[in-house]
Amino acid sequence: MSSLWLRGSWVLVCSSALFLAGCGADGSVVWPVSAETGGDFPLSSTFGPRVRTDDDVYDFHRGIDIAVPEGTDVHAIAAGRVTEVQENTSAGGMMVKVDHGDYYSTYIHCSSVEVDVGDSVDPGDVIALSGKATNGFAHLHFEIRKPGDDRKDCVHPLDVLPYADKGAPTLEIGKVDMTNPLEPRITITTRVPAGELDLRSVSVATFEADAGAVLSGLRPLSERVYDIEAWNRAYTAPASDAVVDDPNHEGILVRPQKYNNTMSASEIDFTFTGLVGTVTSGLLRVRAVATDVRGNEIAVESQ
């Protein structure tokens, strides 16, 4: 663990060493386009909140997008059995799904599928050719679903895919709106580099404490958490995306910046309400935390 001073806040960073691993039914996992372990970076879109670059509309994205020309080979990421093939999806193109035992991989916007339901596949086997979405964007949309194969079971694909983990996201406490001191509105900003795009959760806690007091061990006045996978599981409905695609739900406003595969990082602003403040504004302290898929954590405390 290390600490540093950043823009008036103490920052605590916990990170693992460089991480490169993956384990499927036979112990190996590769990426769906390269069929290698190094990753198909840069991604054109990642798992969770985003603003679509073609129409500026917010939506909750349940997979990752890999921009490749139409007709690119699509590979099985691990050993498994093909359980579903769709000829025409509402999102555009064909879809194939593979059961790997404890999770499912799903490949969407394919121009053709080279396997049949019931076929067994090994890591790196070509199972489809990439295509394009209904908006004309040529790419592969890839999902991991576990434990089931419903949309609400989608988890961050980097839970399974191997990649070089370079540490925790960056995090800043932005505006602390004390218009009503007892009900502060707190905005934080996360930033994740293009070579990872592995944000998992953010949280904000409020405390009543003097400036400089150590918050570790103190009981917070309130705390709110936005966990991306849990959000999908809780708010994805079978028939409609109206709730999960609402950027201002349950008192948490989510504002992603536009991102595509030419950019160096993905940024998201989160504004939390429903928090408990203090009568004396000078005693309000804030602690924000961001974690990634590998469990790396960064904590920022206001002074």
C-alpha atoms as a PDB file:
ATOM      1  CA  MET A   1       0.000   0.000   0.000  1.00  0.00           C
ATOM      2  CA  SER A   2       1.177   3.515  -0.757  1.00  0.00           C
ATOM      3  CA  SER A   3      -0.196   7.026  -0.197  1.00  0.00           C
ATOM      4  CA  LEU A   4       0.137  10.341  -1.966  1.00  0.00           C
ATOM      5  CA  TRP A   5      -1.224  13.880  -1.826  1.00  0.00           C
ATOM      6  CA  LEU A   6      -3.428  14.892  -4.740  1.00  0.00           C
ATOM      7  CA  ARG A   7      -5.481  18.067  -5.151  1.00  0.00           C
ATOM      8  CA  GLY A   8      -6.211  18.563  -1.486  1.00  0.00           C
ATOM      9  CA  SER A   9      -6.925  14.923  -0.770  1.00  0.00           C
ATOM     10  CA  TRP A  10      -5.051  12.012   0.672  1.00  0.00           C
ATOM     11  CA  VAL A  11      -4.947   9.091  -1.733  1.00  0.00           C
ATOM     12  CA  LEU A  12      -4.405   5.510  -0.622  1.00  0.00           C
ATOM     13  CA  VAL A  13      -3.560   3.036  -3.363  1.00  0.00           C
ATOM     14  CA  CYS A  14      -3.644  -0.746  -3.053  1.00  0.00           C
ATOM     15  CA  SER A  15      -2.598  -2.609  -6.170  1.00  0.00           C
ATOM     16  CA  SER A  16      -1.458  -6.042  -7.157  1.00  0.00           C
ATOM     17  CA  ALA A  17       1.552  -6.867  -9.255  1.00  0.00           C
ATOM     18  CA  LEU A  18       1.253  -7.120 -13.017  1.00  0.00           C
ATOM     19  CA  PHE A  19      -1.496  -9.647 -13.612  1.00  0.00           C
ATOM     20  CA  LEU A  20      -1.864 -11.876 -16.633  1.00  0.00           C
ATOM     21  CA  ALA A  21      -4.004 -14.939 -16.183  1.00  0.00           C
ATOM     22  CA  GLY A  22      -7.054 -16.781 -17.403  1.00  0.00           C
ATOM     23  CA  CYS A  23      -8.594 -20.144 -16.731  1.00  0.00           C
ATOM     24  CA  GLY A  24     -11.293 -21.921 -18.684  1.00  0.00           C
ATOM     25  CA  ALA A  25     -12.575 -25.472 -18.630  1.00  0.00           C
ATOM     26  CA  ASP A  26      -9.188 -26.754 -19.819  1.00  0.00           C
ATOM     27  CA  GLY A  27      -7.132 -24.099 -18.072  1.00  0.00           C
ATOM     28  CA  SER A  28      -6.637 -21.696 -20.970  1.00  0.00           C
ATOM     29  CA  VAL A  29      -8.498 -18.590 -22.096  1.00  0.00           C
ATOM     30  CA  VAL A  30      -7.727 -16.454 -25.143  1.00  0.00           C
ATOM     31  CA  TRP A  31      -9.274 -13.298 -26.571  1.00  0.00           C
ATOM     32  CA  PRO A  32     -12.006 -13.630 -29.200  1.00  0.00           C
ATOM     33  CA  VAL A  33     -10.307 -11.735 -32.047  1.00  0.00           C
ATOM     34  CA  SER A  34      -6.562 -12.286 -31.642  1.00  0.00           C
ATOM     35  CA  ALA A  35      -6.924 -15.743 -30.053  1.00  0.00           C
ATOM     36  CA  GLU A  36      -4.028 -14.685 -27.827  1.00  0.00           C
ATOM     37  CA  THR A  37      -3.685 -13.806 -24.138  1.00  0.00           C
ATOM     38  CA  GLY A  38      -2.407 -10.260 -24.510  1.00  0.00           C
ATOM     39  CA  GLY A  39      -5.816  -8.727 -25.157  1.00  0.00           C
ATOM     40  CA  ASP A  40      -7.691  -7.194 -28.076  1.00  0.00           C
ATOM     41  CA  PHE A  41      -6.975  -3.667 -26.883  1.00  0.00           C
ATOM     42  CA  PRO A  42      -7.810  -0.909 -27.400  1.00  0.00           C
ATOM     43  CA  LEU A  43     -11.483  -1.685 -26.946  1.00  0.00           C
ATOM     44  CA  SER A  44     -14.007   0.640 -28.547  1.00  0.00           C
ATOM     45  CA  SER A  45     -16.392   0.274 -25.598  1.00  0.00           C
ATOM     46  CA  THR A  46     -16.259  -1.423 -22.229  1.00  0.00           C
ATOM     47  CA  PHE A  47     -18.674  -2.973 -19.748  1.00  0.00           C
ATOM     48  CA  GLY A  48     -21.065  -0.700 -17.889  1.00  0.00           C
ATOM     49  CA  PRO A  49     -22.172   2.928 -18.280  1.00  0.00           C
ATOM     50  CA  ARG A  50     -21.376   4.644 -21.563  1.00  0.00           C
ATOM     51  CA  VAL A  51     -22.493   7.342 -23.988  1.00  0.00           C
ATOM     52  CA  ARG A  52     -22.850   5.930 -27.483  1.00  0.00           C
ATOM     53  CA  THR A  53     -20.581   7.802 -29.862  1.00  0.00           C
ATOM     54  CA  ASP A  54     -22.966   7.613 -32.825  1.00  0.00           C
ATOM     55  CA  ASP A  55     -25.993   9.290 -31.216  1.00  0.00           C
ATOM     56  CA  ASP A  56     -24.848  10.634 -27.797  1.00  0.00           C
ATOM     57  CA  VAL A  57     -27.396   8.421 -26.006  1.00  0.00           C
ATOM     58  CA  TYR A  58     -26.580   6.983 -22.561  1.00  0.00           C
ATOM     59  CA  ASP A  59     -26.986   3.249 -22.146  1.00  0.00           C
ATOM     60  CA  PHE A  60     -25.744   0.411 -19.969  1.00  0.00           C
ATOM     61  CA  HIS A  61     -23.407  -1.785 -22.008  1.00  0.00           C
ATOM     62  CA  ARG A  62     -23.335  -5.456 -21.008  1.00  0.00           C
ATOM     63  CA  GLY A  63     -20.155  -6.434 -22.796  1.00  0.00           C
ATOM     64  CA  ILE A  64     -17.082  -5.115 -24.560  1.00  0.00           C
ATOM     65  CA  ASP A  65     -16.810  -3.948 -28.172  1.00  0.00           C
ATOM     66  CA  ILE A  66     -13.803  -4.778 -30.322  1.00  0.00           C
ATOM     67  CA  ALA A  67     -13.610  -2.736 -33.523  1.00  0.00           C
ATOM     68  CA  VAL A  68     -12.537  -4.981 -36.408  1.00  0.00           C
ATOM     69  CA  PRO A  69     -13.321  -5.081 -40.148  1.00  0.00           C
ATOM     70  CA  GLU A  70     -16.310  -7.158 -41.195  1.00  0.00           C
ATOM     71  CA  GLY A  71     -15.288 -10.747 -41.925  1.00  0.00           C
ATOM     72  CA  THR A  72     -12.586 -10.974 -39.231  1.00  0.00           C
ATOM     73  CA  ASP A  73     -12.207 -14.409 -37.610  1.00  0.00           C
ATOM     74  CA  VAL A  74     -13.964 -14.756 -34.248  1.00  0.00           C
ATOM     75  CA  HIS A  75     -12.522 -17.395 -31.913  1.00  0.00           C
ATOM     76  CA  ALA A  76     -13.862 -19.395 -28.999  1.00  0.00           C
ATOM     77  CA  ILE A  77     -12.177 -18.040 -25.886  1.00  0.00           C
ATOM     78  CA  ALA A  78     -12.070 -21.385 -24.057  1.00  0.00           C
ATOM     79  CA  ALA A  79     -13.133 -25.008 -24.291  1.00  0.00           C
ATOM     80  CA  GLY A  80     -16.878 -25.468 -24.272  1.00  0.00           C
ATOM     81  CA  ARG A  81     -20.045 -26.434 -26.118  1.00  0.00           C
ATOM     82  CA  VAL A  82     -22.125 -24.291 -28.459  1.00  0.00           C
ATOM     83  CA  THR A  83     -25.576 -23.853 -26.919  1.00  0.00           C
ATOM     84  CA  GLU A  84     -27.258 -21.240 -29.133  1.00  0.00           C
ATOM     85  CA  VAL A  85     -27.048 -19.669 -32.571  1.00  0.00           C
ATOM     86  CA  GLN A  86     -29.298 -16.797 -33.682  1.00  0.00           C
ATOM     87  CA  GLU A  87     -29.564 -15.947 -37.358  1.00  0.00           C
ATOM     88  CA  ASN A  88     -30.807 -12.375 -36.959  1.00  0.00           C
ATOM     89  CA  THR A  89     -30.516 -10.367 -33.753  1.00  0.00           C
ATOM     90  CA  SER A  90     -32.234  -7.068 -33.003  1.00  0.00           C
ATOM     91  CA  ALA A  91     -28.779  -5.516 -32.521  1.00  0.00           C
ATOM     92  CA  GLY A  92     -27.676  -6.574 -35.991  1.00  0.00           C
ATOM     93  CA  GLY A  93     -25.969  -9.682 -37.333  1.00  0.00           C
ATOM     94  CA  MET A  94     -25.821 -13.194 -35.941  1.00  0.00           C
ATOM     95  CA  MET A  95     -25.089 -14.433 -32.431  1.00  0.00           C
ATOM     96  CA  VAL A  96     -23.392 -17.544 -31.056  1.00  0.00           C
ATOM     97  CA  LYS A  97     -23.215 -18.621 -27.421  1.00  0.00           C
ATOM     98  CA  VAL A  98     -20.816 -21.101 -25.814  1.00  0.00           C
ATOM     99  CA  ASP A  99     -21.202 -22.842 -22.443  1.00  0.00           C
ATOM    100  CA  HIS A 100     -17.861 -23.183 -20.633  1.00  0.00           C
ATOM    101  CA  GLY A 101     -19.163 -24.959 -17.539  1.00  0.00           C
ATOM    102  CA  ASP A 102     -19.278 -22.116 -15.016  1.00  0.00           C
ATOM    103  CA  TYR A 103     -19.898 -19.235 -17.427  1.00  0.00           C
ATOM    104  CA  TYR A 104     -21.127 -18.492 -20.949  1.00  0.00           C
ATOM    105  CA  SER A 105     -19.416 -16.485 -23.686  1.00  0.00           C
ATOM    106  CA  THR A 106     -21.572 -14.654 -26.229  1.00  0.00           C
ATOM    107  CA  TYR A 107     -20.454 -13.260 -29.604  1.00  0.00           C
ATOM    108  CA  ILE A 108     -22.788 -10.760 -31.331  1.00  0.00           C
ATOM    109  CA  HIS A 109     -22.931  -8.872 -34.681  1.00  0.00           C
ATOM    110  CA  CYS A 110     -21.412 -11.803 -36.552  1.00  0.00           C
ATOM    111  CA  SER A 111     -21.757 -11.893 -40.353  1.00  0.00           C
ATOM    112  CA  SER A 112     -21.701 -15.692 -40.305  1.00  0.00           C
ATOM    113  CA  VAL A 113     -21.441 -18.503 -37.760  1.00  0.00           C
ATOM    114  CA  GLU A 114     -19.175 -21.474 -38.484  1.00  0.00           C
ATOM    115  CA  VAL A 115     -20.458 -23.879 -35.793  1.00  0.00           C
ATOM    116  CA  ASP A 116     -23.720 -25.585 -34.913  1.00  0.00           C
ATOM    117  CA  VAL A 117     -25.555 -26.038 -31.622  1.00  0.00           C
ATOM    118  CA  GLY A 118     -24.019 -28.994 -29.794  1.00  0.00           C
ATOM    119  CA  ASP A 119     -20.543 -28.612 -31.291  1.00  0.00           C
ATOM    120  CA  SER A 120     -17.569 -28.804 -28.942  1.00  0.00           C
ATOM    121  CA  VAL A 121     -14.936 -26.087 -29.308  1.00  0.00           C
ATOM    122  CA  ASP A 122     -11.408 -25.517 -28.041  1.00  0.00           C
ATOM    123  CA  PRO A 123      -9.650 -22.235 -27.229  1.00  0.00           C
ATOM    124  CA  GLY A 124      -8.847 -20.401 -30.458  1.00  0.00           C
ATOM    125  CA  ASP A 125     -11.234 -22.341 -32.705  1.00  0.00           C
ATOM    126  CA  VAL A 126     -12.862 -20.116 -35.328  1.00  0.00           C
ATOM    127  CA  ILE A 127     -16.570 -20.091 -34.571  1.00  0.00           C
ATOM    128  CA  ALA A 128     -17.769 -17.070 -36.582  1.00  0.00           C
ATOM    129  CA  LEU A 129     -16.846 -14.101 -38.741  1.00  0.00           C
ATOM    130  CA  SER A 130     -17.373 -10.596 -37.418  1.00  0.00           C
ATOM    131  CA  GLY A 131     -20.007  -8.257 -38.837  1.00  0.00           C
ATOM    132  CA  LYS A 132     -21.598  -4.948 -37.936  1.00  0.00           C
ATOM    133  CA  ALA A 133     -24.356  -3.519 -35.788  1.00  0.00           C
ATOM    134  CA  THR A 134     -27.587  -1.997 -37.095  1.00  0.00           C
ATOM    135  CA  ASN A 135     -25.908   1.442 -37.061  1.00  0.00           C
ATOM    136  CA  GLY A 136     -23.253   0.195 -39.494  1.00  0.00           C
ATOM    137  CA  PHE A 137     -20.387   0.047 -36.981  1.00  0.00           C
ATOM    138  CA  ALA A 138     -18.176  -2.956 -37.768  1.00  0.00           C
ATOM    139  CA  HIS A 139     -17.180  -4.672 -34.529  1.00  0.00           C
ATOM    140  CA  LEU A 140     -17.566  -7.697 -32.315  1.00  0.00           C
ATOM    141  CA  HIS A 141     -19.723  -7.330 -29.226  1.00  0.00           C
ATOM    142  CA  PHE A 142     -18.551  -9.873 -26.641  1.00  0.00           C
ATOM    143  CA  GLU A 143     -20.190 -10.842 -23.353  1.00  0.00           C
ATOM    144  CA  ILE A 144     -19.537 -13.092 -20.378  1.00  0.00           C
ATOM    145  CA  ARG A 145     -22.594 -14.320 -18.495  1.00  0.00           C
ATOM    146  CA  LYS A 146     -22.499 -16.154 -15.173  1.00  0.00           C
ATOM    147  CA  PRO A 147     -23.861 -18.067 -13.403  1.00  0.00           C
ATOM    148  CA  GLY A 148     -26.779 -18.160 -15.880  1.00  0.00           C
ATOM    149  CA  ASP A 149     -27.143 -17.044 -19.482  1.00  0.00           C
ATOM    150  CA  ASP A 150     -29.675 -14.230 -19.078  1.00  0.00           C
ATOM    151  CA  ARG A 151     -28.838 -10.589 -19.751  1.00  0.00           C
ATOM    152  CA  LYS A 152     -28.932  -9.869 -16.023  1.00  0.00           C
ATOM    153  CA  ASP A 153     -26.147 -12.451 -15.618  1.00  0.00           C
ATOM    154  CA  CYS A 154     -23.703 -10.403 -17.700  1.00  0.00           C
ATOM    155  CA  VAL A 155     -20.498  -9.616 -15.821  1.00  0.00           C
ATOM    156  CA  HIS A 156     -17.393  -7.719 -16.845  1.00  0.00           C
ATOM    157  CA  PRO A 157     -15.639  -9.858 -19.480  1.00  0.00           C
ATOM    158  CA  LEU A 158     -12.291  -9.068 -17.846  1.00  0.00           C
ATOM    159  CA  ASP A 159     -13.479 -11.273 -14.991  1.00  0.00           C
ATOM    160  CA  VAL A 160     -12.525 -14.105 -17.358  1.00  0.00           C
ATOM    161  CA  LEU A 161     -10.329 -12.731 -20.140  1.00  0.00           C
ATOM    162  CA  PRO A 162      -6.593 -12.433 -19.390  1.00  0.00           C
ATOM    163  CA  TYR A 163      -4.991  -9.005 -19.458  1.00  0.00           C
ATOM    164  CA  ALA A 164      -2.012  -7.110 -18.052  1.00  0.00           C
ATOM    165  CA  ASP A 165      -3.287  -5.452 -14.886  1.00  0.00           C
ATOM    166  CA  LYS A 166      -1.394  -2.233 -14.226  1.00  0.00           C
ATOM    167  CA  GLY A 167      -3.083  -1.234 -10.982  1.00  0.00           C
ATOM    168  CA  ALA A 168      -5.998   0.752  -9.610  1.00  0.00           C
ATOM    169  CA  PRO A 169      -8.043   3.379 -11.487  1.00  0.00           C
ATOM    170  CA  THR A 170      -7.506   7.042 -10.759  1.00  0.00           C
ATOM    171  CA  LEU A 171     -10.094   8.857  -8.671  1.00  0.00           C
ATOM    172  CA  GLU A 172     -10.832  12.453  -7.715  1.00  0.00           C
ATOM    173  CA  ILE A 173     -13.380  14.040  -5.413  1.00  0.00           C
ATOM    174  CA  GLY A 174     -14.908  16.877  -7.384  1.00  0.00           C
ATOM    175  CA  LYS A 175     -17.754  19.130  -6.319  1.00  0.00           C
ATOM    176  CA  VAL A 176     -19.191  18.784  -2.811  1.00  0.00           C
ATOM    177  CA  ASP A 177     -22.514  20.648  -2.982  1.00  0.00           C
ATOM    178  CA  MET A 178     -23.455  21.827   0.522  1.00  0.00           C
ATOM    179  CA  THR A 179     -26.569  23.797  -0.474  1.00  0.00           C
ATOM    180  CA  ASN A 180     -28.273  21.646   2.147  1.00  0.00           C
ATOM    181  CA  PRO A 181     -25.491  20.718   4.611  1.00  0.00           C
ATOM    182  CA  LEU A 182     -27.519  17.797   5.937  1.00  0.00           C
ATOM    183  CA  GLU A 183     -27.919  16.311   2.456  1.00  0.00           C
ATOM    184  CA  PRO A 184     -24.708  16.906   0.498  1.00  0.00           C
ATOM    185  CA  ARG A 185     -24.368  16.112  -3.219  1.00  0.00           C
ATOM    186  CA  ILE A 186     -20.936  14.689  -3.940  1.00  0.00           C
ATOM    187  CA  THR A 187     -19.388  14.219  -7.367  1.00  0.00           C
ATOM    188  CA  ILE A 188     -16.396  11.965  -7.994  1.00  0.00           C
ATOM    189  CA  THR A 189     -14.545  11.217 -11.222  1.00  0.00           C
ATOM    190  CA  THR A 190     -12.913   7.929 -12.199  1.00  0.00           C
ATOM    191  CA  ARG A 191     -10.402   7.459 -14.980  1.00  0.00           C
ATOM    192  CA  VAL A 192      -9.299   4.076 -16.360  1.00  0.00           C
ATOM    193  CA  PRO A 193      -6.615   3.715 -19.063  1.00  0.00           C
ATOM    194  CA  ALA A 194      -7.535   2.300 -22.468  1.00  0.00           C
ATOM    195  CA  GLY A 195      -5.343  -0.753 -21.948  1.00  0.00           C
ATOM    196  CA  GLU A 196      -7.480  -1.952 -19.059  1.00  0.00           C
ATOM    197  CA  LEU A 197     -10.996  -0.441 -18.914  1.00  0.00           C
ATOM    198  CA  ASP A 198     -11.678  -2.603 -15.870  1.00  0.00           C
ATOM    199  CA  LEU A 199     -13.615  -0.378 -13.444  1.00  0.00           C
ATOM    200  CA  ARG A 200     -15.870  -2.425 -11.158  1.00  0.00           C
ATOM    201  CA  SER A 201     -17.298  -0.188  -8.427  1.00  0.00           C
ATOM    202  CA  VAL A 202     -17.197   3.217  -6.766  1.00  0.00           C
ATOM    203  CA  SER A 203     -18.418   4.328  -3.359  1.00  0.00           C
ATOM    204  CA  VAL A 204     -18.759   7.511  -1.325  1.00  0.00           C
ATOM    205  CA  ALA A 205     -18.954   7.773   2.473  1.00  0.00           C
ATOM    206  CA  THR A 206     -19.490  10.840   4.659  1.00  0.00           C
ATOM    207  CA  PHE A 207     -18.003  11.424   8.117  1.00  0.00           C
ATOM    208  CA  GLU A 208     -18.173  14.075  10.824  1.00  0.00           C
ATOM    209  CA  ALA A 209     -14.541  14.755  11.671  1.00  0.00           C
ATOM    210  CA  ASP A 210     -12.025  17.555  11.969  1.00  0.00           C
ATOM    211  CA  ALA A 211      -9.739  18.287   9.059  1.00  0.00           C
ATOM    212  CA  GLY A 212      -6.729  15.993   9.217  1.00  0.00           C
ATOM    213  CA  ALA A 213      -8.450  13.385  11.386  1.00  0.00           C
ATOM    214  CA  VAL A 214      -7.817   9.786  10.386  1.00  0.00           C
ATOM    215  CA  LEU A 215     -11.018   8.364   8.891  1.00  0.00           C
ATOM    216  CA  SER A 216      -9.885   4.761   8.890  1.00  0.00           C
ATOM    217  CA  GLY A 217     -11.781   2.967  11.614  1.00  0.00           C
ATOM    218  CA  LEU A 218     -14.419   5.677  12.011  1.00  0.00           C
ATOM    219  CA  ARG A 219     -18.028   4.749  11.413  1.00  0.00           C
ATOM    220  CA  PRO A 220     -19.414   6.748   8.467  1.00  0.00           C
ATOM    221  CA  LEU A 221     -22.532   8.852   8.738  1.00  0.00           C
ATOM    222  CA  SER A 222     -23.639   7.350   5.421  1.00  0.00           C
ATOM    223  CA  GLU A 223     -22.270   5.402   2.480  1.00  0.00           C
ATOM    224  CA  ARG A 224     -23.464   4.675  -1.045  1.00  0.00           C
ATOM    225  CA  VAL A 225     -22.035   2.183  -3.540  1.00  0.00           C
ATOM    226  CA  TYR A 226     -22.346   1.851  -7.308  1.00  0.00           C
ATOM    227  CA  ASP A 227     -21.231  -1.667  -8.283  1.00  0.00           C
ATOM    228  CA  ILE A 228     -21.468  -2.086 -12.054  1.00  0.00           C
ATOM    229  CA  GLU A 229     -22.183  -5.824 -12.119  1.00  0.00           C
ATOM    230  CA  ALA A 230     -24.640  -5.610  -9.223  1.00  0.00           C
ATOM    231  CA  TRP A 231     -26.398  -2.701 -10.965  1.00  0.00           C
ATOM    232  CA  ASN A 232     -26.921  -4.830 -14.080  1.00  0.00           C
ATOM    233  CA  ARG A 233     -28.209  -7.767 -12.043  1.00  0.00           C
ATOM    234  CA  ALA A 234     -30.613  -5.621 -10.027  1.00  0.00           C
ATOM    235  CA  TYR A 235     -32.043  -3.392 -12.740  1.00  0.00           C
ATOM    236  CA  THR A 236     -32.016  -5.379 -15.979  1.00  0.00           C
ATOM    237  CA  ALA A 237     -35.558  -6.477 -16.735  1.00  0.00           C
ATOM    238  CA  PRO A 238     -36.485  -9.241 -19.211  1.00  0.00           C
ATOM    239  CA  ALA A 239     -38.598  -6.989 -21.415  1.00  0.00           C
ATOM    240  CA  SER A 240     -37.205  -3.455 -21.078  1.00  0.00           C
ATOM    241  CA  ASP A 241     -33.960  -1.588 -20.487  1.00  0.00           C
ATOM    242  CA  ALA A 242     -35.763   1.552 -19.303  1.00  0.00           C
ATOM    243  CA  VAL A 243     -34.489   1.329 -15.739  1.00  0.00           C
ATOM    244  CA  VAL A 244     -30.927   0.127 -16.262  1.00  0.00           C
ATOM    245  CA  ASP A 245     -30.513   2.685 -19.065  1.00  0.00           C
ATOM    246  CA  ASP A 246     -31.617   5.575 -16.837  1.00  0.00           C
ATOM    247  CA  PRO A 247     -28.464   7.587 -16.003  1.00  0.00           C
ATOM    248  CA  ASN A 248     -30.114   9.112 -12.926  1.00  0.00           C
ATOM    249  CA  HIS A 249     -31.531   6.282 -10.844  1.00  0.00           C
ATOM    250  CA  GLU A 250     -31.694   5.570  -7.127  1.00  0.00           C
ATOM    251  CA  GLY A 251     -30.076   8.925  -6.383  1.00  0.00           C
ATOM    252  CA  ILE A 252     -26.902   8.214  -8.356  1.00  0.00           C
ATOM    253  CA  LEU A 253     -26.294  10.255 -11.497  1.00  0.00           C
ATOM    254  CA  VAL A 254     -23.851   8.576 -13.892  1.00  0.00           C
ATOM    255  CA  ARG A 255     -22.229  10.746 -16.581  1.00  0.00           C
ATOM    256  CA  PRO A 256     -19.695   8.940 -18.775  1.00  0.00           C
ATOM    257  CA  GLN A 257     -17.554  10.953 -21.140  1.00  0.00           C
ATOM    258  CA  LYS A 258     -17.566   9.855 -24.757  1.00  0.00           C
ATOM    259  CA  TYR A 259     -15.034   7.123 -25.412  1.00  0.00           C
ATOM    260  CA  ASN A 260     -13.755   5.217 -28.434  1.00  0.00           C
ATOM    261  CA  ASN A 261     -10.674   3.168 -29.268  1.00  0.00           C
ATOM    262  CA  THR A 262      -8.622   6.227 -30.253  1.00  0.00           C
ATOM    263  CA  MET A 263      -8.721   7.694 -26.741  1.00  0.00           C
ATOM    264  CA  SER A 264      -6.203   7.109 -23.973  1.00  0.00           C
ATOM    265  CA  ALA A 265      -8.650   6.628 -21.108  1.00  0.00           C
ATOM    266  CA  SER A 266     -12.305   6.351 -20.136  1.00  0.00           C
ATOM    267  CA  GLU A 267     -13.748   8.850 -17.631  1.00  0.00           C
ATOM    268  CA  ILE A 268     -17.009   8.743 -15.686  1.00  0.00           C
ATOM    269  CA  ASP A 269     -18.484  11.299 -13.289  1.00  0.00           C
ATOM    270  CA  PHE A 270     -20.702   9.939 -10.508  1.00  0.00           C
ATOM    271  CA  THR A 271     -22.880  12.285  -8.449  1.00  0.00           C
ATOM    272  CA  PHE A 272     -24.214  10.737  -5.247  1.00  0.00           C
ATOM    273  CA  THR A 273     -27.243  12.010  -3.342  1.00  0.00           C
ATOM    274  CA  GLY A 274     -29.072  10.470  -0.404  1.00  0.00           C
ATOM    275  CA  LEU A 275     -26.023  10.971   1.800  1.00  0.00           C
ATOM    276  CA  VAL A 276     -26.037  12.284   5.366  1.00  0.00           C
ATOM    277  CA  GLY A 277     -24.181  15.525   6.039  1.00  0.00           C
ATOM    278  CA  THR A 278     -23.307  17.593   9.110  1.00  0.00           C
ATOM    279  CA  VAL A 279     -24.830  20.687  10.689  1.00  0.00           C
ATOM    280  CA  THR A 280     -21.391  22.298  10.656  1.00  0.00           C
ATOM    281  CA  SER A 281     -20.133  22.174   7.079  1.00  0.00           C
ATOM    282  CA  GLY A 282     -16.507  22.389   8.194  1.00  0.00           C
ATOM    283  CA  LEU A 283     -16.799  19.008   9.864  1.00  0.00           C
ATOM    284  CA  LEU A 284     -17.968  17.142   6.752  1.00  0.00           C
ATOM    285  CA  ARG A 285     -15.345  14.717   5.496  1.00  0.00           C
ATOM    286  CA  VAL A 286     -15.695  12.555   2.410  1.00  0.00           C
ATOM    287  CA  ARG A 287     -14.043   9.285   1.511  1.00  0.00           C
ATOM    288  CA  ALA A 288     -14.384   7.947  -2.049  1.00  0.00           C
ATOM    289  CA  VAL A 289     -13.208   4.520  -3.200  1.00  0.00           C
ATOM    290  CA  ALA A 290     -12.845   2.973  -6.662  1.00  0.00           C
ATOM    291  CA  THR A 291     -12.044  -0.696  -7.333  1.00  0.00           C
ATOM    292  CA  ASP A 292     -11.300  -2.609 -10.499  1.00  0.00           C
ATOM    293  CA  VAL A 293     -11.970  -6.139 -11.693  1.00  0.00           C
ATOM    294  CA  ARG A 294      -8.749  -7.485 -10.142  1.00  0.00           C
ATOM    295  CA  GLY A 295      -9.520  -5.984  -6.732  1.00  0.00           C
ATOM    296  CA  ASN A 296      -7.107  -3.055  -6.941  1.00  0.00           C
ATOM    297  CA  GLU A 297      -8.447  -0.178  -4.869  1.00  0.00           C
ATOM    298  CA  ILE A 298      -7.841   3.555  -4.613  1.00  0.00           C
ATOM    299  CA  ALA A 299      -9.287   5.657  -1.775  1.00  0.00           C
ATOM    300  CA  VAL A 300      -9.400   9.468  -1.741  1.00  0.00           C
ATOM    301  CA  GLU A 301     -10.267  11.495   1.357  1.00  0.00           C
ATOM    302  CA  SER A 302     -11.226  15.157   1.460  1.00  0.00           C
ATOM    303  CA  GLN A 303      -9.512  17.440   3.981  1.00  0.00           C
END
